[in-house]
Amino acid sequence: MAEEEDDIILSELNDEELSLQMHDDLYDGLKEEIEEGVNILLERGWEPYRVLTEALVSGMTIVGNDFRDGILFVPEVLLAANAMKGGMAILKPLLAETGAPRMGKMVIGTVKGDIHDIGKNLVSMMMEGAGFEVVDLGINNAVDAYLEAAAAEGADIIGMSALLTTTMPYMKVVIDSLVEKGMREDYIVLVGGAPLNEEFGKAIGADAYCRDAAVAVETAKEYMLRKHNQLAAG
């Protein structure tokens, strides 16, 4: 019965109330409620891009901020991101149809020799939650996997993750290959993982080291804004 009552409440809310309620539902990781809210707003004539930005991305921004500030932790953020994924599954084909603007496109994967993926998965979900298109290469990626995917997908960003001190140096192998092939300037390279730090990121030639998923999103946004501004000025 409770679910039925929730359905009635959601459908009876006005647009603004529903959008705010969806922020709360995202925060609480309620996937079914998010899917229902997305469908209601679409039925009411909201453009897919408006649903994405006002109901979902705004909600995930709150989640990201609280994760950064230590109010939320990884399990809660994964739940929120999973709820976001439910909403995105409905919106993605509609966004493609309408040619809605996107923040940017990222190819991300864990480097060769490393099979850890929780951190990478969290970054992927948070990036999607911020309006980025994400191509997840999974774990244990060699140089060619990154370079081929980035070129084929027309990516703006290459993201690399490592959780082992033994696999960290492979990030430099990927960046050196980009330099050798004259492709380094084509991509923003972000690196992350527990054993890394800012000094390491600089030493290997990455654009930035991101200590967690919330920082990755903010950093990606900053770099994409710079890129857009440079293109506009050029």
C-alpha atoms as a PDB file:
ATOM      1  CA  MET A   1       0.000   0.000   0.000  1.00  0.00           C
ATOM      2  CA  ALA A   2       2.794   2.397   0.848  1.00  0.00           C
ATOM      3  CA  GLU A   3       4.118   2.189  -2.695  1.00  0.00           C
ATOM      4  CA  GLU A   4       0.709   3.017  -4.093  1.00  0.00           C
ATOM      5  CA  GLU A   5       0.483   6.065  -1.844  1.00  0.00           C
ATOM      6  CA  ASP A   6       3.915   7.185  -3.003  1.00  0.00           C
ATOM      7  CA  ASP A   7       2.757   6.892  -6.617  1.00  0.00           C
ATOM      8  CA  ILE A   8      -0.231   9.099  -5.864  1.00  0.00           C
ATOM      9  CA  ILE A   9       1.928  11.642  -4.083  1.00  0.00           C
ATOM     10  CA  LEU A  10       4.488  11.835  -6.894  1.00  0.00           C
ATOM     11  CA  SER A  11       1.890  12.319  -9.591  1.00  0.00           C
ATOM     12  CA  GLU A  12       0.054  14.932  -7.523  1.00  0.00           C
ATOM     13  CA  LEU A  13       3.085  17.157  -6.998  1.00  0.00           C
ATOM     14  CA  ASN A  14       3.458  20.200  -9.233  1.00  0.00           C
ATOM     15  CA  ASP A  15       6.531  20.380 -11.490  1.00  0.00           C
ATOM     16  CA  GLU A  16       8.717  22.324  -9.076  1.00  0.00           C
ATOM     17  CA  GLU A  17       7.773  20.129  -6.111  1.00  0.00           C
ATOM     18  CA  LEU A  18       8.390  16.986  -8.135  1.00  0.00           C
ATOM     19  CA  SER A  19      11.808  18.175  -9.301  1.00  0.00           C
ATOM     20  CA  LEU A  20      12.809  18.903  -5.678  1.00  0.00           C
ATOM     21  CA  GLN A  21      11.367  15.575  -4.522  1.00  0.00           C
ATOM     22  CA  MET A  22      13.538  13.862  -7.136  1.00  0.00           C
ATOM     23  CA  HIS A  23      16.607  15.518  -5.589  1.00  0.00           C
ATOM     24  CA  ASP A  24      15.627  13.850  -2.297  1.00  0.00           C
ATOM     25  CA  ASP A  25      14.877  10.516  -3.975  1.00  0.00           C
ATOM     26  CA  LEU A  26      18.281  10.569  -5.712  1.00  0.00           C
ATOM     27  CA  TYR A  27      19.960  11.364  -2.413  1.00  0.00           C
ATOM     28  CA  ASP A  28      18.190   8.342  -0.889  1.00  0.00           C
ATOM     29  CA  GLY A  29      19.022   6.108  -3.864  1.00  0.00           C
ATOM     30  CA  LEU A  30      15.390   5.393  -4.791  1.00  0.00           C
ATOM     31  CA  LYS A  31      15.681   4.147  -8.360  1.00  0.00           C
ATOM     32  CA  GLU A  32      12.011   3.332  -9.030  1.00  0.00           C
ATOM     33  CA  GLU A  33      10.875   6.735  -7.775  1.00  0.00           C
ATOM     34  CA  ILE A  34      13.443   8.456 -10.022  1.00  0.00           C
ATOM     35  CA  GLU A  35      12.263   6.487 -13.063  1.00  0.00           C
ATOM     36  CA  GLU A  36       8.671   7.371 -12.273  1.00  0.00           C
ATOM     37  CA  GLY A  37       9.522  11.053 -11.734  1.00  0.00           C
ATOM     38  CA  VAL A  38      11.352  11.216 -15.072  1.00  0.00           C
ATOM     39  CA  ASN A  39       8.363   9.709 -16.866  1.00  0.00           C
ATOM     40  CA  ILE A  40       5.909  12.088 -15.183  1.00  0.00           C
ATOM     41  CA  LEU A  41       7.952  15.164 -16.158  1.00  0.00           C
ATOM     42  CA  LEU A  42       8.293  13.916 -19.750  1.00  0.00           C
ATOM     43  CA  GLU A  43       4.518  13.332 -19.905  1.00  0.00           C
ATOM     44  CA  ARG A  44       4.031  16.905 -18.699  1.00  0.00           C
ATOM     45  CA  GLY A  45       6.006  18.165 -21.667  1.00  0.00           C
ATOM     46  CA  TRP A  46       9.442  18.739 -20.124  1.00  0.00           C
ATOM     47  CA  GLU A  47      12.274  18.545 -22.649  1.00  0.00           C
ATOM     48  CA  PRO A  48      14.606  15.586 -21.914  1.00  0.00           C
ATOM     49  CA  TYR A  49      17.539  17.970 -21.420  1.00  0.00           C
ATOM     50  CA  ARG A  50      15.568  19.976 -18.851  1.00  0.00           C
ATOM     51  CA  VAL A  51      14.716  16.792 -16.919  1.00  0.00           C
ATOM     52  CA  LEU A  52      18.396  15.827 -17.007  1.00  0.00           C
ATOM     53  CA  THR A  53      19.741  19.164 -15.790  1.00  0.00           C
ATOM     54  CA  GLU A  54      17.055  20.356 -13.355  1.00  0.00           C
ATOM     55  CA  ALA A  55      15.874  17.088 -11.820  1.00  0.00           C
ATOM     56  CA  LEU A  56      18.867  14.739 -12.091  1.00  0.00           C
ATOM     57  CA  VAL A  57      22.146  16.641 -12.477  1.00  0.00           C
ATOM     58  CA  SER A  58      21.133  19.195  -9.833  1.00  0.00           C
ATOM     59  CA  GLY A  59      20.303  16.342  -7.464  1.00  0.00           C
ATOM     60  CA  MET A  60      23.583  14.544  -8.121  1.00  0.00           C
ATOM     61  CA  THR A  61      25.471  17.805  -7.538  1.00  0.00           C
ATOM     62  CA  ILE A  62      24.115  17.783  -3.972  1.00  0.00           C
ATOM     63  CA  VAL A  63      25.184  14.140  -3.604  1.00  0.00           C
ATOM     64  CA  GLY A  64      28.651  14.969  -4.979  1.00  0.00           C
ATOM     65  CA  ASN A  65      29.098  17.923  -2.645  1.00  0.00           C
ATOM     66  CA  ASP A  66      28.115  15.891   0.408  1.00  0.00           C
ATOM     67  CA  PHE A  67      30.427  13.065  -0.666  1.00  0.00           C
ATOM     68  CA  ARG A  68      33.280  15.552  -1.024  1.00  0.00           C
ATOM     69  CA  ASP A  69      32.510  16.996   2.415  1.00  0.00           C
ATOM     70  CA  GLY A  70      32.392  13.592   4.113  1.00  0.00           C
ATOM     71  CA  ILE A  71      28.634  13.660   4.818  1.00  0.00           C
ATOM     72  CA  LEU A  72      27.915  10.796   2.407  1.00  0.00           C
ATOM     73  CA  PHE A  73      30.074   7.725   1.856  1.00  0.00           C
ATOM     74  CA  VAL A  74      30.775   5.397  -1.076  1.00  0.00           C
ATOM     75  CA  PRO A  75      27.851   2.936  -0.530  1.00  0.00           C
ATOM     76  CA  GLU A  76      25.323   5.793  -0.394  1.00  0.00           C
ATOM     77  CA  VAL A  77      26.817   7.489  -3.447  1.00  0.00           C
ATOM     78  CA  LEU A  78      26.694   4.198  -5.375  1.00  0.00           C
ATOM     79  CA  LEU A  79      22.995   3.902  -4.530  1.00  0.00           C
ATOM     80  CA  ALA A  80      22.362   7.479  -5.673  1.00  0.00           C
ATOM     81  CA  ALA A  81      24.342   6.878  -8.859  1.00  0.00           C
ATOM     82  CA  ASN A  82      22.367   3.703  -9.531  1.00  0.00           C
ATOM     83  CA  ALA A  83      19.102   5.641  -9.155  1.00  0.00           C
ATOM     84  CA  MET A  84      20.498   8.255 -11.534  1.00  0.00           C
ATOM     85  CA  LYS A  85      21.301   5.464 -14.001  1.00  0.00           C
ATOM     86  CA  GLY A  86      17.647   4.423 -13.967  1.00  0.00           C
ATOM     87  CA  GLY A  87      16.602   7.941 -14.963  1.00  0.00           C
ATOM     88  CA  MET A  88      19.375   8.198 -17.549  1.00  0.00           C
ATOM     89  CA  ALA A  89      18.280   4.945 -19.222  1.00  0.00           C
ATOM     90  CA  ILE A  90      14.945   6.620 -20.033  1.00  0.00           C
ATOM     91  CA  LEU A  91      16.492   9.934 -21.106  1.00  0.00           C
ATOM     92  CA  LYS A  92      19.499   8.740 -23.151  1.00  0.00           C
ATOM     93  CA  PRO A  93      17.643   7.756 -26.352  1.00  0.00           C
ATOM     94  CA  LEU A  94      15.516  10.913 -26.140  1.00  0.00           C
ATOM     95  CA  LEU A  95      18.581  13.127 -25.642  1.00  0.00           C
ATOM     96  CA  ALA A  96      20.227  11.524 -28.675  1.00  0.00           C
ATOM     97  CA  GLU A  97      17.117  12.245 -30.766  1.00  0.00           C
ATOM     98  CA  THR A  98      16.960  15.894 -29.756  1.00  0.00           C
ATOM     99  CA  GLY A  99      20.712  16.458 -30.166  1.00  0.00           C
ATOM    100  CA  ALA A 100      20.900  17.939 -26.658  1.00  0.00           C
ATOM    101  CA  PRO A 101      24.194  19.578 -25.685  1.00  0.00           C
ATOM    102  CA  ARG A 102      26.555  17.480 -23.589  1.00  0.00           C
ATOM    103  CA  MET A 103      29.228  18.461 -21.120  1.00  0.00           C
ATOM    104  CA  GLY A 104      31.824  16.308 -22.867  1.00  0.00           C
ATOM    105  CA  LYS A 105      32.809  12.707 -23.511  1.00  0.00           C
ATOM    106  CA  MET A 106      35.124  10.614 -21.368  1.00  0.00           C
ATOM    107  CA  VAL A 107      36.843   7.285 -21.965  1.00  0.00           C
ATOM    108  CA  ILE A 108      37.764   5.711 -18.628  1.00  0.00           C
ATOM    109  CA  GLY A 109      39.377   2.476 -17.488  1.00  0.00           C
ATOM    110  CA  THR A 110      41.620   0.811 -14.934  1.00  0.00           C
ATOM    111  CA  VAL A 111      45.181   0.417 -16.254  1.00  0.00           C
ATOM    112  CA  LYS A 112      46.941  -2.775 -17.381  1.00  0.00           C
ATOM    113  CA  GLY A 113      47.643  -5.230 -14.578  1.00  0.00           C
ATOM    114  CA  ASP A 114      44.992  -3.724 -12.282  1.00  0.00           C
ATOM    115  CA  ILE A 115      41.582  -5.318 -11.777  1.00  0.00           C
ATOM    116  CA  HIS A 116      40.128  -2.883  -9.226  1.00  0.00           C
ATOM    117  CA  ASP A 117      37.048  -1.067 -10.429  1.00  0.00           C
ATOM    118  CA  ILE A 118      34.939   0.351  -7.579  1.00  0.00           C
ATOM    119  CA  GLY A 119      36.598   3.785  -7.705  1.00  0.00           C
ATOM    120  CA  LYS A 120      36.473   3.871 -11.490  1.00  0.00           C
ATOM    121  CA  ASN A 121      32.804   2.817 -11.491  1.00  0.00           C
ATOM    122  CA  LEU A 122      31.992   5.575  -9.022  1.00  0.00           C
ATOM    123  CA  VAL A 123      33.732   8.178 -11.196  1.00  0.00           C
ATOM    124  CA  SER A 124      31.874   6.870 -14.272  1.00  0.00           C
ATOM    125  CA  MET A 125      28.505   7.146 -12.569  1.00  0.00           C
ATOM    126  CA  MET A 126      29.204  10.560 -11.082  1.00  0.00           C
ATOM    127  CA  MET A 127      30.406  11.839 -14.466  1.00  0.00           C
ATOM    128  CA  GLU A 128      27.226  10.577 -16.132  1.00  0.00           C
ATOM    129  CA  GLY A 129      25.298  12.199 -13.312  1.00  0.00           C
ATOM    130  CA  ALA A 130      26.959  15.511 -14.200  1.00  0.00           C
ATOM    131  CA  GLY A 131      25.871  15.224 -17.844  1.00  0.00           C
ATOM    132  CA  PHE A 132      29.016  13.718 -19.370  1.00  0.00           C
ATOM    133  CA  GLU A 133      28.900  10.854 -21.829  1.00  0.00           C
ATOM    134  CA  VAL A 134      31.098   8.051 -20.460  1.00  0.00           C
ATOM    135  CA  VAL A 135      32.644   5.069 -22.252  1.00  0.00           C
ATOM    136  CA  ASP A 136      33.816   2.607 -19.585  1.00  0.00           C
ATOM    137  CA  LEU A 137      36.623   0.341 -20.815  1.00  0.00           C
ATOM    138  CA  GLY A 138      36.560  -1.788 -17.666  1.00  0.00           C
ATOM    139  CA  ILE A 139      39.725  -3.175 -16.052  1.00  0.00           C
ATOM    140  CA  ASN A 140      43.249  -4.183 -17.148  1.00  0.00           C
ATOM    141  CA  ASN A 141      43.585  -1.798 -20.111  1.00  0.00           C
ATOM    142  CA  ALA A 142      46.700  -1.648 -22.262  1.00  0.00           C
ATOM    143  CA  VAL A 143      47.810   1.504 -24.104  1.00  0.00           C
ATOM    144  CA  ASP A 144      46.020   0.597 -27.333  1.00  0.00           C
ATOM    145  CA  ALA A 145      42.678   0.191 -25.563  1.00  0.00           C
ATOM    146  CA  TYR A 146      42.791   3.801 -24.359  1.00  0.00           C
ATOM    147  CA  LEU A 147      44.123   5.310 -27.576  1.00  0.00           C
ATOM    148  CA  GLU A 148      41.824   3.407 -29.917  1.00  0.00           C
ATOM    149  CA  ALA A 149      38.715   4.057 -27.830  1.00  0.00           C
ATOM    150  CA  ALA A 150      39.516   7.757 -27.378  1.00  0.00           C
ATOM    151  CA  ALA A 151      39.984   8.203 -31.131  1.00  0.00           C
ATOM    152  CA  ALA A 152      36.979   6.080 -32.137  1.00  0.00           C
ATOM    153  CA  GLU A 153      34.656   7.753 -29.638  1.00  0.00           C
ATOM    154  CA  GLY A 154      35.844  11.305 -30.274  1.00  0.00           C
ATOM    155  CA  ALA A 155      36.523  11.639 -26.552  1.00  0.00           C
ATOM    156  CA  ASP A 156      37.480  14.875 -24.821  1.00  0.00           C
ATOM    157  CA  ILE A 157      38.866  13.193 -21.700  1.00  0.00           C
ATOM    158  CA  ILE A 158      40.895  10.064 -20.961  1.00  0.00           C
ATOM    159  CA  GLY A 159      40.519   8.857 -17.376  1.00  0.00           C
ATOM    160  CA  MET A 160      42.887   6.301 -15.844  1.00  0.00           C
ATOM    161  CA  SER A 161      42.553   4.541 -12.507  1.00  0.00           C
ATOM    162  CA  ALA A 162      45.013   2.400 -10.516  1.00  0.00           C
ATOM    163  CA  LEU A 163      44.817   0.965  -7.026  1.00  0.00           C
ATOM    164  CA  LEU A 164      48.221  -0.749  -6.925  1.00  0.00           C
ATOM    165  CA  THR A 165      51.604   0.938  -6.595  1.00  0.00           C
ATOM    166  CA  THR A 166      52.870  -1.614  -9.147  1.00  0.00           C
ATOM    167  CA  THR A 167      50.359  -0.534 -11.817  1.00  0.00           C
ATOM    168  CA  MET A 168      50.599   3.232 -11.267  1.00  0.00           C
ATOM    169  CA  PRO A 169      53.636   3.657 -13.578  1.00  0.00           C
ATOM    170  CA  TYR A 170      51.624   2.291 -16.499  1.00  0.00           C
ATOM    171  CA  MET A 171      49.732   5.578 -16.590  1.00  0.00           C
ATOM    172  CA  LYS A 172      52.950   7.218 -17.766  1.00  0.00           C
ATOM    173  CA  VAL A 173      53.255   4.610 -20.530  1.00  0.00           C
ATOM    174  CA  VAL A 174      49.832   5.685 -21.847  1.00  0.00           C
ATOM    175  CA  ILE A 175      50.660   9.400 -21.645  1.00  0.00           C
ATOM    176  CA  ASP A 176      54.075   8.886 -23.279  1.00  0.00           C
ATOM    177  CA  SER A 177      52.360   7.010 -26.127  1.00  0.00           C
ATOM    178  CA  LEU A 178      49.961   9.914 -26.616  1.00  0.00           C
ATOM    179  CA  VAL A 179      52.947  12.266 -26.830  1.00  0.00           C
ATOM    180  CA  GLU A 180      54.821  10.000 -29.272  1.00  0.00           C
ATOM    181  CA  LYS A 181      51.812   9.775 -31.578  1.00  0.00           C
ATOM    182  CA  GLY A 182      51.234  13.539 -31.477  1.00  0.00           C
ATOM    183  CA  MET A 183      47.873  13.021 -29.757  1.00  0.00           C
ATOM    184  CA  ARG A 184      48.596  14.435 -26.306  1.00  0.00           C
ATOM    185  CA  GLU A 185      47.015  17.832 -27.007  1.00  0.00           C
ATOM    186  CA  ASP A 186      43.822  16.159 -28.234  1.00  0.00           C
ATOM    187  CA  TYR A 187      42.779  14.938 -24.783  1.00  0.00           C
ATOM    188  CA  ILE A 188      42.415  16.056 -21.188  1.00  0.00           C
ATOM    189  CA  VAL A 189      44.076  13.295 -19.127  1.00  0.00           C
ATOM    190  CA  LEU A 190      42.782  12.739 -15.587  1.00  0.00           C
ATOM    191  CA  VAL A 191      44.250  10.140 -13.224  1.00  0.00           C
ATOM    192  CA  GLY A 192      43.105   8.791  -9.882  1.00  0.00           C
ATOM    193  CA  GLY A 193      43.370   5.960  -7.372  1.00  0.00           C
ATOM    194  CA  ALA A 194      44.296   5.432  -3.737  1.00  0.00           C
ATOM    195  CA  PRO A 195      48.116   5.312  -4.056  1.00  0.00           C
ATOM    196  CA  LEU A 196      48.351   8.371  -6.318  1.00  0.00           C
ATOM    197  CA  ASN A 197      48.915  11.987  -5.343  1.00  0.00           C
ATOM    198  CA  GLU A 198      49.196  15.369  -7.027  1.00  0.00           C
ATOM    199  CA  GLU A 199      52.991  15.138  -7.392  1.00  0.00           C
ATOM    200  CA  PHE A 200      52.695  11.808  -9.185  1.00  0.00           C
ATOM    201  CA  GLY A 201      50.054  13.230 -11.545  1.00  0.00           C
ATOM    202  CA  LYS A 202      52.377  16.100 -12.463  1.00  0.00           C
ATOM    203  CA  ALA A 203      55.430  13.849 -12.805  1.00  0.00           C
ATOM    204  CA  ILE A 204      53.766  11.588 -15.384  1.00  0.00           C
ATOM    205  CA  GLY A 205      52.349  14.489 -17.395  1.00  0.00           C
ATOM    206  CA  ALA A 206      48.650  14.151 -16.560  1.00  0.00           C
ATOM    207  CA  ASP A 207      46.464  17.259 -16.678  1.00  0.00           C
ATOM    208  CA  ALA A 208      45.196  16.581 -13.169  1.00  0.00           C
ATOM    209  CA  TYR A 209      45.106  14.086 -10.310  1.00  0.00           C
ATOM    210  CA  CYS A 210      41.607  13.610  -8.848  1.00  0.00           C
ATOM    211  CA  ARG A 211      41.494  12.299  -5.306  1.00  0.00           C
ATOM    212  CA  ASP A 212      37.857  11.139  -5.561  1.00  0.00           C
ATOM    213  CA  ALA A 213      34.821  11.049  -7.847  1.00  0.00           C
ATOM    214  CA  ALA A 214      33.475  14.431  -6.751  1.00  0.00           C
ATOM    215  CA  VAL A 215      36.816  16.093  -7.518  1.00  0.00           C
ATOM    216  CA  ALA A 216      36.954  14.268 -10.881  1.00  0.00           C
ATOM    217  CA  VAL A 217      33.609  15.783 -11.891  1.00  0.00           C
ATOM    218  CA  GLU A 218      34.595  19.309 -10.854  1.00  0.00           C
ATOM    219  CA  THR A 219      37.987  19.006 -12.571  1.00  0.00           C
ATOM    220  CA  ALA A 220      36.436  17.662 -15.775  1.00  0.00           C
ATOM    221  CA  LYS A 221      33.926  20.524 -15.807  1.00  0.00           C
ATOM    222  CA  GLU A 222      36.690  23.125 -15.350  1.00  0.00           C
ATOM    223  CA  TYR A 223      38.813  21.676 -18.164  1.00  0.00           C
ATOM    224  CA  MET A 224      35.853  21.377 -20.532  1.00  0.00           C
ATOM    225  CA  LEU A 225      34.902  24.990 -19.831  1.00  0.00           C
ATOM    226  CA  ARG A 226      38.465  26.058 -20.663  1.00  0.00           C
ATOM    227  CA  LYS A 227      38.371  23.967 -23.832  1.00  0.00           C
ATOM    228  CA  HIS A 228      35.060  25.514 -24.942  1.00  0.00           C
ATOM    229  CA  ASN A 229      36.396  29.000 -24.210  1.00  0.00           C
ATOM    230  CA  GLN A 230      39.581  28.327 -26.189  1.00  0.00           C
ATOM    231  CA  LEU A 231      37.559  27.029 -29.142  1.00  0.00           C
ATOM    232  CA  ALA A 232      35.305  30.088 -28.995  1.00  0.00           C
ATOM    233  CA  ALA A 233      38.316  32.428 -28.827  1.00  0.00           C
ATOM    234  CA  GLY A 234      40.174  30.567 -31.564  1.00  0.00           C
END
